[in-house]
C-alpha atoms as a PDB file:
ATOM      1  CA  MET A   1       0.001   0.056   0.115  1.00  0.00           C
ATOM      2  CA  ALA A   2       2.867   2.264   0.885  1.00  0.00           C
ATOM      3  CA  VAL A   3       4.494   1.913  -2.490  1.00  0.00           C
ATOM      4  CA  VAL A   4       1.080   2.774  -4.295  1.00  0.00           C
ATOM      5  CA  SER A   5       0.825   5.949  -2.183  1.00  0.00           C
ATOM      6  CA  CYS A   6       4.219   7.010  -3.161  1.00  0.00           C
ATOM      7  CA  ALA A   7       3.774   6.281  -6.643  1.00  0.00           C
ATOM      8  CA  GLN A   8       0.421   8.079  -6.908  1.00  0.00           C
ATOM      9  CA  THR A   9       1.946  11.114  -5.452  1.00  0.00           C
ATOM     10  CA  LEU A  10       4.733  11.140  -7.949  1.00  0.00           C
ATOM     11  CA  GLN A  11       2.246  10.781 -10.721  1.00  0.00           C
ATOM     12  CA  PHE A  12       0.075  13.506  -9.506  1.00  0.00           C
ATOM     13  CA  PHE A  13       2.925  16.039  -9.520  1.00  0.00           C
ATOM     14  CA  GLN A  14       4.085  15.302 -13.170  1.00  0.00           C
ATOM     15  CA  PRO A  15       4.437  18.678 -15.143  1.00  0.00           C
ATOM     16  CA  ARG A  16       0.951  18.102 -16.680  1.00  0.00           C
ATOM     17  CA  ASN A  17      -0.615  18.444 -13.304  1.00  0.00           C
ATOM     18  CA  LEU A  18       1.098  21.392 -11.893  1.00  0.00           C
ATOM     19  CA  SER A  19      -0.868  24.548 -11.735  1.00  0.00           C
ATOM     20  CA  PHE A  20       0.947  27.709 -10.716  1.00  0.00           C
ATOM     21  CA  ARG A  21      -0.938  30.466  -8.894  1.00  0.00           C
ATOM     22  CA  PRO A  22       0.133  34.069  -9.874  1.00  0.00           C
ATOM     23  CA  SER A  23       2.679  35.266  -7.409  1.00  0.00           C
ATOM     24  CA  SER A  24       5.333  37.944  -7.395  1.00  0.00           C
ATOM     25  CA  ARG A  25       7.707  35.258  -6.139  1.00  0.00           C
ATOM     26  CA  PHE A  26       8.048  33.774  -9.466  1.00  0.00           C
ATOM     27  CA  PRO A  27       9.610  35.715 -12.365  1.00  0.00           C
ATOM     28  CA  SER A  28       7.755  36.034 -15.630  1.00  0.00           C
ATOM     29  CA  ARG A  29       9.781  33.309 -17.277  1.00  0.00           C
ATOM     30  CA  PHE A  30       7.690  30.835 -15.201  1.00  0.00           C
ATOM     31  CA  PRO A  31       4.592  29.802 -16.802  1.00  0.00           C
ATOM     32  CA  ARG A  32       1.633  30.593 -14.508  1.00  0.00           C
ATOM     33  CA  VAL A  33      -0.279  27.376 -15.558  1.00  0.00           C
ATOM     34  CA  CYS A  34       1.091  24.259 -17.287  1.00  0.00           C
ATOM     35  CA  HIS A  35      -1.280  22.744 -19.817  1.00  0.00           C
ATOM     36  CA  VAL A  36       0.109  19.357 -21.028  1.00  0.00           C
ATOM     37  CA  LYS A  37      -0.501  18.844 -24.700  1.00  0.00           C
ATOM     38  CA  THR A  38       3.279  19.724 -25.520  1.00  0.00           C
ATOM     39  CA  PRO A  39       6.334  19.187 -23.089  1.00  0.00           C
ATOM     40  CA  VAL A  40       6.799  21.972 -20.587  1.00  0.00           C
ATOM     41  CA  SER A  41      10.228  22.894 -19.210  1.00  0.00           C
ATOM     42  CA  LEU A  42      10.669  25.054 -16.169  1.00  0.00           C
ATOM     43  CA  LYS A  43      13.980  26.660 -15.315  1.00  0.00           C
ATOM     44  CA  SER A  44      15.241  26.456 -11.830  1.00  0.00           C
ATOM     45  CA  ARG A  45      15.140  29.440  -9.686  1.00  0.00           C
ATOM     46  CA  LYS A  46      18.487  31.168  -9.785  1.00  0.00           C
ATOM     47  CA  THR A  47      20.235  33.058  -6.768  1.00  0.00           C
ATOM     48  CA  THR A  48      19.793  36.142  -8.903  1.00  0.00           C
ATOM     49  CA  ASP A  49      16.286  36.198  -8.099  1.00  0.00           C
ATOM     50  CA  ILE A  50      17.096  36.597  -4.301  1.00  0.00           C
ATOM     51  CA  THR A  51      17.890  39.867  -2.462  1.00  0.00           C
ATOM     52  CA  PRO A  52      21.670  40.480  -3.021  1.00  0.00           C
ATOM     53  CA  SER A  53      22.356  40.303   0.701  1.00  0.00           C
ATOM     54  CA  LEU A  54      20.955  36.836   0.726  1.00  0.00           C
ATOM     55  CA  LEU A  55      23.212  35.464  -2.005  1.00  0.00           C
ATOM     56  CA  VAL A  56      25.282  32.303  -1.328  1.00  0.00           C
ATOM     57  CA  ARG A  57      27.943  30.621  -3.384  1.00  0.00           C
ATOM     58  CA  ALA A  58      26.287  27.622  -4.934  1.00  0.00           C
ATOM     59  CA  SER A  59      28.046  24.309  -4.457  1.00  0.00           C
ATOM     60  CA  THR A  60      28.150  21.734  -7.038  1.00  0.00           C
ATOM     61  CA  SER A  61      28.625  18.807  -4.517  1.00  0.00           C
ATOM     62  CA  SER A  62      25.733  17.053  -2.719  1.00  0.00           C
ATOM     63  CA  SER A  63      28.019  17.255   0.410  1.00  0.00           C
ATOM     64  CA  SER A  64      28.142  21.036   0.466  1.00  0.00           C
ATOM     65  CA  SER A  65      30.800  22.594   2.614  1.00  0.00           C
ATOM     66  CA  SER A  66      29.875  25.348   5.273  1.00  0.00           C
ATOM     67  CA  SER A  67      32.553  27.520   3.371  1.00  0.00           C
ATOM     68  CA  ASP A  68      30.442  27.828   0.272  1.00  0.00           C
ATOM     69  CA  PHE A  69      28.178  30.189   2.138  1.00  0.00           C
ATOM     70  CA  THR A  70      28.826  33.712   3.186  1.00  0.00           C
ATOM     71  CA  PRO A  71      30.169  33.972   6.913  1.00  0.00           C
ATOM     72  CA  THR A  72      27.058  35.849   7.887  1.00  0.00           C
ATOM     73  CA  ILE A  73      24.659  33.239   6.733  1.00  0.00           C
ATOM     74  CA  GLY A  74      23.718  32.673  10.469  1.00  0.00           C
ATOM     75  CA  GLU A  75      22.780  36.302  10.890  1.00  0.00           C
ATOM     76  CA  ILE A  76      20.951  36.436   7.660  1.00  0.00           C
ATOM     77  CA  LEU A  77      18.987  33.207   8.473  1.00  0.00           C
ATOM     78  CA  GLY A  78      18.279  34.627  12.069  1.00  0.00           C
ATOM     79  CA  GLU A  79      16.087  37.407  10.626  1.00  0.00           C
ATOM     80  CA  VAL A  80      13.911  34.927   8.529  1.00  0.00           C
ATOM     81  CA  ARG A  81      10.332  34.588   9.851  1.00  0.00           C
ATOM     82  CA  ILE A  82       8.641  31.182   9.746  1.00  0.00           C
ATOM     83  CA  PHE A  83       5.619  29.541  11.689  1.00  0.00           C
ATOM     84  CA  THR A  84       5.182  27.218  14.488  1.00  0.00           C
ATOM     85  CA  ALA A  85       2.884  24.339  13.736  1.00  0.00           C
ATOM     86  CA  SER A  86       0.215  26.250  15.710  1.00  0.00           C
ATOM     87  CA  GLY A  87       0.592  29.318  13.424  1.00  0.00           C
ATOM     88  CA  GLU A  88       2.588  31.476  15.453  1.00  0.00           C
ATOM     89  CA  PRO A  89       5.300  33.655  13.732  1.00  0.00           C
ATOM     90  CA  VAL A  90       8.779  33.163  14.853  1.00  0.00           C
ATOM     91  CA  LEU A  91      12.322  34.125  13.869  1.00  0.00           C
ATOM     92  CA  PHE A  92      15.082  31.622  13.474  1.00  0.00           C
ATOM     93  CA  LYS A  93      17.310  33.397  15.887  1.00  0.00           C
ATOM     94  CA  ASP A  94      14.835  32.889  18.611  1.00  0.00           C
ATOM     95  CA  LEU A  95      14.806  29.176  18.105  1.00  0.00           C
ATOM     96  CA  TRP A  96      18.161  28.491  19.768  1.00  0.00           C
ATOM     97  CA  ASP A  97      20.929  30.257  21.735  1.00  0.00           C
ATOM     98  CA  GLN A  98      22.629  32.493  19.229  1.00  0.00           C
ATOM     99  CA  GLU A  99      26.051  32.426  21.192  1.00  0.00           C
ATOM    100  CA  GLU A 100      26.836  28.743  21.998  1.00  0.00           C
ATOM    101  CA  GLY A 101      23.738  26.888  21.203  1.00  0.00           C
ATOM    102  CA  ILE A 102      23.971  24.027  18.834  1.00  0.00           C
ATOM    103  CA  ALA A 103      21.124  23.409  16.381  1.00  0.00           C
ATOM    104  CA  VAL A 104      20.339  20.921  13.466  1.00  0.00           C
ATOM    105  CA  VAL A 105      18.072  22.666  10.776  1.00  0.00           C
ATOM    106  CA  ALA A 106      16.570  20.276   8.572  1.00  0.00           C
ATOM    107  CA  LEU A 107      14.814  21.798   5.411  1.00  0.00           C
ATOM    108  CA  LEU A 108      12.269  19.343   4.357  1.00  0.00           C
ATOM    109  CA  ARG A 109      11.064  19.723   0.676  1.00  0.00           C
ATOM    110  CA  HIS A 110       7.264  20.027   1.712  1.00  0.00           C
ATOM    111  CA  PHE A 111       4.938  18.259   4.210  1.00  0.00           C
ATOM    112  CA  GLY A 112       3.384  16.129   1.368  1.00  0.00           C
ATOM    113  CA  CYS A 113       6.567  14.527   0.116  1.00  0.00           C
ATOM    114  CA  PRO A 114       6.720  10.887   0.932  1.00  0.00           C
ATOM    115  CA  CYS A 115      10.433  11.020   0.965  1.00  0.00           C
ATOM    116  CA  CYS A 116      10.235  13.840   3.530  1.00  0.00           C
ATOM    117  CA  TRP A 117       7.989  11.500   5.609  1.00  0.00           C
ATOM    118  CA  GLU A 118      10.774   9.038   5.703  1.00  0.00           C
ATOM    119  CA  LEU A 119      13.134  11.858   6.858  1.00  0.00           C
ATOM    120  CA  VAL A 120      10.794  12.960   9.570  1.00  0.00           C
ATOM    121  CA  SER A 121      10.421   9.537  10.738  1.00  0.00           C
ATOM    122  CA  ALA A 122      14.292   9.155  11.047  1.00  0.00           C
ATOM    123  CA  LEU A 123      14.345  12.602  12.878  1.00  0.00           C
ATOM    124  CA  LYS A 124      11.729  11.533  15.279  1.00  0.00           C
ATOM    125  CA  GLU A 125      13.535   8.321  16.182  1.00  0.00           C
ATOM    126  CA  SER A 126      16.803  10.256  16.472  1.00  0.00           C
ATOM    127  CA  LYS A 127      15.359  13.123  18.622  1.00  0.00           C
ATOM    128  CA  GLU A 128      16.199  11.544  22.034  1.00  0.00           C
ATOM    129  CA  ARG A 129      19.722  11.137  20.832  1.00  0.00           C
ATOM    130  CA  PHE A 130      20.036  14.784  19.883  1.00  0.00           C
ATOM    131  CA  ASP A 131      18.583  15.952  22.958  1.00  0.00           C
ATOM    132  CA  SER A 132      21.041  13.903  25.104  1.00  0.00           C
ATOM    133  CA  ALA A 133      23.673  15.607  23.309  1.00  0.00           C
ATOM    134  CA  GLY A 134      22.062  19.177  24.020  1.00  0.00           C
ATOM    135  CA  VAL A 135      21.317  19.861  20.293  1.00  0.00           C
ATOM    136  CA  ASN A 136      18.101  21.793  19.253  1.00  0.00           C
ATOM    137  CA  LEU A 137      16.431  19.713  16.433  1.00  0.00           C
ATOM    138  CA  ILE A 138      14.613  22.131  14.100  1.00  0.00           C
ATOM    139  CA  ALA A 139      12.471  20.720  11.187  1.00  0.00           C
ATOM    140  CA  VAL A 140      11.034  23.048   8.693  1.00  0.00           C
ATOM    141  CA  GLY A 141       8.799  22.265   5.710  1.00  0.00           C
ATOM    142  CA  VAL A 142       7.298  24.042   2.890  1.00  0.00           C
ATOM    143  CA  GLY A 143       3.710  24.648   3.415  1.00  0.00           C
ATOM    144  CA  THR A 144       1.152  26.234   5.883  1.00  0.00           C
ATOM    145  CA  PRO A 145       1.040  25.478   9.604  1.00  0.00           C
ATOM    146  CA  ASP A 146      -2.161  23.347   9.062  1.00  0.00           C
ATOM    147  CA  LYS A 147      -0.197  21.085   6.627  1.00  0.00           C
ATOM    148  CA  ALA A 148       2.580  20.742   9.177  1.00  0.00           C
ATOM    149  CA  ARG A 149      -0.020  19.456  11.707  1.00  0.00           C
ATOM    150  CA  ILE A 150      -1.332  17.069   9.229  1.00  0.00           C
ATOM    151  CA  LEU A 151       1.966  15.328   9.027  1.00  0.00           C
ATOM    152  CA  ALA A 152       2.549  15.525  12.695  1.00  0.00           C
ATOM    153  CA  GLU A 153      -0.750  13.864  13.680  1.00  0.00           C
ATOM    154  CA  ARG A 154      -0.538  11.211  11.113  1.00  0.00           C
ATOM    155  CA  PHE A 155       2.464  10.037  12.834  1.00  0.00           C
ATOM    156  CA  ARG A 156       0.395   9.545  15.966  1.00  0.00           C
ATOM    157  CA  PHE A 157      -1.614   6.837  14.266  1.00  0.00           C
ATOM    158  CA  ARG A 158       1.450   5.049  12.528  1.00  0.00           C
ATOM    159  CA  MET A 159       3.594   4.833  15.657  1.00  0.00           C
ATOM    160  CA  THR A 160       3.105   2.093  18.069  1.00  0.00           C
ATOM    161  CA  LYS A 161       3.488   4.548  21.100  1.00  0.00           C
ATOM    162  CA  GLY A 162       0.754   6.645  19.729  1.00  0.00           C
ATOM    163  CA  LEU A 163       2.874   9.882  19.890  1.00  0.00           C
ATOM    164  CA  PRO A 164       2.748  12.479  17.130  1.00  0.00           C
ATOM    165  CA  PHE A 165       5.997  14.143  15.672  1.00  0.00           C
ATOM    166  CA  PRO A 166       6.844  16.691  18.362  1.00  0.00           C
ATOM    167  CA  LEU A 167       5.258  19.948  17.379  1.00  0.00           C
ATOM    168  CA  ASP A 168       7.696  22.151  19.264  1.00  0.00           C
ATOM    169  CA  CYS A 169      10.427  20.970  16.635  1.00  0.00           C
ATOM    170  CA  LEU A 170       8.140  21.467  13.410  1.00  0.00           C
ATOM    171  CA  TYR A 171       7.847  24.707  11.679  1.00  0.00           C
ATOM    172  CA  ALA A 172       6.225  25.832   8.430  1.00  0.00           C
ATOM    173  CA  ASP A 173       7.917  28.118   5.777  1.00  0.00           C
ATOM    174  CA  PRO A 174       5.076  28.729   3.346  1.00  0.00           C
ATOM    175  CA  ASP A 175       7.122  31.270   1.150  1.00  0.00           C
ATOM    176  CA  ARG A 176      10.373  29.355   1.178  1.00  0.00           C
ATOM    177  CA  LYS A 177      12.246  32.222   2.754  1.00  0.00           C
ATOM    178  CA  ALA A 178      14.826  29.863   4.484  1.00  0.00           C
ATOM    179  CA  TYR A 179      15.397  27.949   1.167  1.00  0.00           C
ATOM    180  CA  ASP A 180      16.192  31.130  -0.746  1.00  0.00           C
ATOM    181  CA  VAL A 181      18.675  32.235   2.052  1.00  0.00           C
ATOM    182  CA  PHE A 182      20.562  28.788   1.433  1.00  0.00           C
ATOM    183  CA  GLY A 183      20.076  28.834  -2.317  1.00  0.00           C
ATOM    184  CA  LEU A 184      18.624  25.377  -2.380  1.00  0.00           C
ATOM    185  CA  TYR A 185      17.843  23.547  -5.594  1.00  0.00           C
ATOM    186  CA  TYR A 186      14.481  24.089  -7.299  1.00  0.00           C
ATOM    187  CA  GLY A 187      12.941  22.742 -10.584  1.00  0.00           C
ATOM    188  CA  ILE A 188      11.371  19.758 -12.409  1.00  0.00           C
ATOM    189  CA  GLY A 189      14.768  18.147 -13.164  1.00  0.00           C
ATOM    190  CA  ARG A 190      15.881  18.120  -9.733  1.00  0.00           C
ATOM    191  CA  THR A 191      12.448  16.808  -8.281  1.00  0.00           C
ATOM    192  CA  PHE A 192      11.965  13.978 -10.732  1.00  0.00           C
ATOM    193  CA  PHE A 193      14.983  13.346 -12.889  1.00  0.00           C
ATOM    194  CA  ASN A 194      17.971  13.681 -10.836  1.00  0.00           C
ATOM    195  CA  PRO A 195      20.397  10.492 -10.557  1.00  0.00           C
ATOM    196  CA  ALA A 196      20.817  11.272  -6.740  1.00  0.00           C
ATOM    197  CA  SER A 197      17.033  10.337  -6.208  1.00  0.00           C
ATOM    198  CA  ALA A 198      18.013   6.707  -6.738  1.00  0.00           C
ATOM    199  CA  LYS A 199      19.334   6.588  -3.304  1.00  0.00           C
ATOM    200  CA  VAL A 200      15.850   6.251  -1.953  1.00  0.00           C
ATOM    201  CA  PHE A 201      15.693   2.703  -3.333  1.00  0.00           C
ATOM    202  CA  SER A 202      18.411   1.712  -0.782  1.00  0.00           C
ATOM    203  CA  ARG A 203      16.062   2.840   1.924  1.00  0.00           C
ATOM    204  CA  PHE A 204      12.892   1.117   0.400  1.00  0.00           C
ATOM    205  CA  GLU A 205      11.701  -0.616   3.722  1.00  0.00           C
ATOM    206  CA  ALA A 206      12.175   2.617   5.700  1.00  0.00           C
ATOM    207  CA  LEU A 207      10.290   4.717   3.175  1.00  0.00           C
ATOM    208  CA  GLN A 208       7.461   2.096   2.871  1.00  0.00           C
ATOM    209  CA  LYS A 209       7.106   2.252   6.775  1.00  0.00           C
ATOM    210  CA  ALA A 210       7.095   6.026   6.786  1.00  0.00           C
ATOM    211  CA  VAL A 211       4.302   6.510   4.368  1.00  0.00           C
ATOM    212  CA  LYS A 212       2.051   3.847   6.007  1.00  0.00           C
ATOM    213  CA  ASN A 213      -0.501   6.427   7.010  1.00  0.00           C
ATOM    214  CA  TYR A 214       0.539   8.972   4.222  1.00  0.00           C
ATOM    215  CA  THR A 215      -2.065  11.525   2.917  1.00  0.00           C
ATOM    216  CA  ILE A 216      -1.644  13.722  -0.046  1.00  0.00           C
ATOM    217  CA  GLU A 217      -3.596  16.352   1.915  1.00  0.00           C
ATOM    218  CA  ALA A 218      -0.282  17.433   3.650  1.00  0.00           C
ATOM    219  CA  THR A 219       0.859  18.886   0.151  1.00  0.00           C
ATOM    220  CA  PRO A 220       0.916  22.721  -0.095  1.00  0.00           C
ATOM    221  CA  ASP A 221      -1.982  24.287  -1.975  1.00  0.00           C
ATOM    222  CA  ASP A 222       0.669  26.099  -4.022  1.00  0.00           C
ATOM    223  CA  ARG A 223       1.590  23.059  -6.111  1.00  0.00           C
ATOM    224  CA  SER A 224       4.724  24.891  -7.576  1.00  0.00           C
ATOM    225  CA  SER A 225       6.230  24.211  -3.983  1.00  0.00           C
ATOM    226  CA  VAL A 226       6.633  20.637  -4.765  1.00  0.00           C
ATOM    227  CA  LEU A 227       9.483  21.551  -7.025  1.00  0.00           C
ATOM    228  CA  GLN A 228      11.519  22.734  -3.875  1.00  0.00           C
ATOM    229  CA  GLN A 229      14.624  20.617  -2.759  1.00  0.00           C
ATOM    230  CA  GLY A 230      15.799  20.588   0.817  1.00  0.00           C
ATOM    231  CA  GLY A 231      18.990  20.537   2.774  1.00  0.00           C
ATOM    232  CA  MET A 232      20.401  20.071   6.297  1.00  0.00           C
ATOM    233  CA  PHE A 233      22.512  22.440   8.257  1.00  0.00           C
ATOM    234  CA  VAL A 234      24.195  22.475  11.701  1.00  0.00           C
ATOM    235  CA  PHE A 235      24.975  25.750  13.658  1.00  0.00           C
ATOM    236  CA  LYS A 236      26.896  26.652  16.628  1.00  0.00           C
ATOM    237  CA  GLY A 237      25.232  30.057  17.516  1.00  0.00           C
ATOM    238  CA  LYS A 238      25.540  31.939  14.363  1.00  0.00           C
ATOM    239  CA  GLN A 239      28.473  29.873  12.875  1.00  0.00           C
ATOM    240  CA  LEU A 240      27.571  27.313  10.142  1.00  0.00           C
ATOM    241  CA  LEU A 241      29.391  24.153  10.910  1.00  0.00           C
ATOM    242  CA  TYR A 242      27.951  21.640   8.434  1.00  0.00           C
ATOM    243  CA  ALA A 243      25.865  22.268   5.229  1.00  0.00           C
ATOM    244  CA  ARG A 244      24.402  19.815   2.751  1.00  0.00           C
ATOM    245  CA  LYS A 245      22.035  20.594  -0.153  1.00  0.00           C
ATOM    246  CA  ASP A 246      19.882  17.794  -1.507  1.00  0.00           C
ATOM    247  CA  GLU A 247      20.772  17.062  -5.072  1.00  0.00           C
ATOM    248  CA  GLY A 248      17.280  15.660  -5.667  1.00  0.00           C
ATOM    249  CA  THR A 249      14.171  14.130  -4.044  1.00  0.00           C
ATOM    250  CA  GLY A 250      15.100  11.802  -1.396  1.00  0.00           C
ATOM    251  CA  ASP A 251      18.748  12.717  -1.361  1.00  0.00           C
ATOM    252  CA  HIS A 252      19.070  13.337   2.411  1.00  0.00           C
ATOM    253  CA  ALA A 253      21.952  13.906   4.612  1.00  0.00           C
ATOM    254  CA  PRO A 254      23.042  10.811   6.543  1.00  0.00           C
ATOM    255  CA  LEU A 255      22.040  11.637  10.210  1.00  0.00           C
ATOM    256  CA  ASP A 256      24.839   9.722  11.617  1.00  0.00           C
ATOM    257  CA  ASP A 257      27.259  12.530   9.873  1.00  0.00           C
ATOM    258  CA  VAL A 258      24.960  15.202  11.200  1.00  0.00           C
ATOM    259  CA  PHE A 259      25.224  13.588  14.701  1.00  0.00           C
ATOM    260  CA  ASP A 260      29.119  13.187  14.462  1.00  0.00           C
ATOM    261  CA  VAL A 261      29.464  16.974  13.731  1.00  0.00           C
ATOM    262  CA  CYS A 262      27.410  17.952  16.743  1.00  0.00           C
ATOM    263  CA  CYS A 263      29.322  15.768  18.876  1.00  0.00           C
ATOM    264  CA  LYS A 264      32.574  17.232  17.905  1.00  0.00           C
ATOM    265  CA  VAL A 265      31.506  20.637  19.096  1.00  0.00           C
ATOM    266  CA  PRO A 266      32.020  21.395  22.899  1.00  0.00           C
ATOM    267  CA  VAL A 267      28.817  22.498  24.561  1.00  0.00           C
ATOM    268  CA  ALA A 268      29.302  25.634  26.825  1.00  0.00           C
END
């Protein structure tokens, strides 16, 4: 059943089914509506579409280095406003101690992505491990707070302990502002046809388990958001220690690597 759900989701979001709502966030080169009698090609968003102060140096490696980003990336991210799962606005800089606090910032693709449900499942299982190391775990997804709550509550019925994904770790970024700050990948090619996405097949059983109670209702109403890729970042205060941009759908950072980075940082 899980495989069918995942396949149905991918089929639903083929280019012929994408409908773009008019928005000032998308340049005129992006078609507003995709009708599918002829092939449609959308170009990825470029960093030149972002405010100059938010520009980051693009990395060609899936294992991005923190040196690929401007040294002030922590300060820039700190001023970005996102929303709690209950709908309250909050700034990134208020989520952890900006001097010595260690934080893992996991930027999911969107709340309706089956591969992101797998990542959320792994984060949930690893939360106790991060907590014991004094690390703040912050999961952010594209979509509105109500979509975040759908994902969290669905995990309540899937898990044997009957616990949802912790809402105090889950945030919504409907305008993808944090994704723009990091210059994360975007586009049809990255979403559906990147070779890095094949990695998900090595985690087939974990994916199958994660989407057991999957629902497409968690997908953002703005269907163009499904073309956004995610990434994983580790901060100590405002200093970026680890950065990894997902090359394609399901190309997630190994959590063991993330945890190792956190453990190498002395906690004040």
